[in-house]
Amino acid sequence: MRIAYLTGTYPRATDTFIQREVAGLRSHGMDVHTFAVRRPEDKQIVGPEQASERKRTGYILSERGVPSNPLGLIQAHLSLLTGNPGRYLKAVSLALKTRQPDIKGLI
């Protein structure tokens, strides 16, 4: 089974629950890919577990707060849209319904 785990900032010293959950899923043979919107600051990497997870995690925004790979992000959306339009549109609808009610939430 392949699982994508998305969070705001990962990994951080305070994310021990998430790190244990991801490690547990991986130990049961699941293919877990971690993604975060933002990369954690260096001071939040306090041990080898966080350092290892940071190397394995994909980040949506660069350290400057802009998309790390804008073209890749667009291509991924188009691929998902054409591959399974119904599922993609349901996900977009859910994201819009559950977002924060401000411009940052919309973006």
Protein backbone atom coordinates (compact mmCIF):
# COMPACT_ATOMS: atom_id res chain seq x y z
CA MET A 1 0.00 0.00 0.00
CA ARG A 2 1.23 3.49 -0.85
CA ILE A 3 0.39 6.38 1.49
CA ALA A 4 1.04 10.11 1.16
CA TYR A 5 1.27 11.94 4.48
CA LEU A 6 0.84 15.72 4.18
CA THR A 7 1.34 18.23 6.98
CA GLY A 8 2.16 21.92 7.38
CA THR A 9 5.77 21.67 8.57
CA TYR A 10 7.64 18.38 8.98
CA PRO A 11 9.67 17.06 10.70
CA ARG A 12 10.07 19.02 13.90
CA ALA A 13 11.12 18.00 17.38
CA THR A 14 7.47 18.28 18.46
CA ASP A 15 6.25 15.88 15.75
CA THR A 16 7.12 12.69 17.61
CA PHE A 17 3.58 11.31 17.21
CA ILE A 18 3.69 11.75 13.44
CA GLN A 19 7.23 10.37 13.21
CA ARG A 20 6.23 7.27 15.20
CA GLU A 21 3.11 6.78 13.11
CA VAL A 22 5.07 7.04 9.85
CA ALA A 23 7.77 4.69 11.18
CA GLY A 24 5.12 2.22 12.33
CA LEU A 25 3.42 2.20 8.94
CA ARG A 26 6.75 1.71 7.19
CA SER A 27 7.66 -1.14 9.55
CA HIS A 28 4.47 -2.89 8.43
CA GLY A 29 5.60 -2.73 4.81
CA MET A 30 3.66 0.34 3.74
CA ASP A 31 5.23 2.74 1.26
CA VAL A 32 4.85 6.08 3.09
CA HIS A 33 5.82 9.31 1.35
CA THR A 34 5.91 12.40 3.55
CA PHE A 35 5.17 15.88 2.23
CA ALA A 36 5.00 19.23 3.97
CA VAL A 37 4.04 22.69 2.91
CA ARG A 38 7.05 24.24 4.66
CA ARG A 39 10.53 22.99 5.50
CA PRO A 40 11.39 23.16 9.23
CA GLU A 41 14.07 25.50 10.49
CA ASP A 42 17.44 23.91 11.30
CA LYS A 43 16.90 24.53 15.04
CA GLN A 44 13.88 22.18 14.92
CA ILE A 45 16.05 19.27 13.76
CA VAL A 46 17.30 17.95 17.10
CA GLY A 47 18.22 14.36 16.28
CA PRO A 48 19.09 11.86 13.57
CA GLU A 49 15.42 10.87 13.13
CA GLN A 50 14.41 14.39 12.15
CA ALA A 51 17.45 14.78 9.88
CA SER A 52 16.61 11.53 8.10
CA GLU A 53 12.95 12.43 7.72
CA ARG A 54 13.80 15.89 6.37
CA LYS A 55 15.84 14.24 3.59
CA ARG A 56 12.91 11.95 2.73
CA THR A 57 10.23 14.65 2.80
CA GLY A 58 9.03 16.58 -0.24
CA TYR A 59 8.32 20.29 0.28
CA ILE A 60 5.74 22.34 -1.57
CA LEU A 61 7.18 25.75 -0.70
CA SER A 62 10.82 26.72 -0.84
CA GLU A 63 12.51 28.50 2.05
CA ARG A 64 11.45 31.80 0.44
CA GLY A 65 7.78 30.81 0.63
CA VAL A 66 7.26 30.24 -3.09
CA PRO A 67 6.50 26.88 -4.76
CA SER A 68 9.66 24.76 -4.92
CA ASN A 69 8.84 23.56 -8.42
CA PRO A 70 5.92 25.53 -9.91
CA LEU A 71 5.98 23.64 -13.22
CA GLY A 72 6.09 20.29 -11.44
CA LEU A 73 3.17 21.34 -9.23
CA ILE A 74 1.09 22.28 -12.29
CA GLN A 75 2.05 19.05 -14.06
CA ALA A 76 1.07 16.98 -11.02
CA HIS A 77 -2.34 18.65 -10.87
CA LEU A 78 -2.92 18.12 -14.60
CA SER A 79 -1.85 14.49 -14.35
CA LEU A 80 -4.23 13.86 -11.46
CA LEU A 81 -7.05 15.73 -13.19
CA THR A 82 -6.71 13.77 -16.42
CA GLY A 83 -6.04 10.45 -14.67
CA ASN A 84 -9.15 10.50 -12.48
CA PRO A 85 -11.19 13.70 -12.93
CA GLY A 86 -13.97 12.69 -10.55
CA ARG A 87 -11.65 11.90 -7.68
CA TYR A 88 -9.55 15.01 -8.34
CA LEU A 89 -12.59 17.32 -8.36
CA LYS A 90 -13.91 15.73 -5.15
CA ALA A 91 -10.55 16.40 -3.50
CA VAL A 92 -10.55 20.02 -4.70
CA SER A 93 -14.11 20.45 -3.43
CA LEU A 94 -13.16 19.05 -0.02
CA ALA A 95 -10.08 21.29 0.13
CA LEU A 96 -12.20 24.36 -0.62
CA LYS A 97 -14.82 23.41 1.98
CA THR A 98 -12.27 22.81 4.75
CA ARG A 99 -9.82 25.64 4.06
CA GLN A 100 -9.20 28.63 6.26
CA PRO A 101 -11.54 31.47 5.25
CA ASP A 102 -8.85 33.87 4.03
CA ILE A 103 -6.73 34.45 0.95
CA LYS A 104 -3.92 32.21 2.26
CA GLY A 105 -6.42 29.40 2.69
CA LEU A 106 -7.64 29.85 -0.85
CA ILE A 107 -4.16 29.80 -2.31
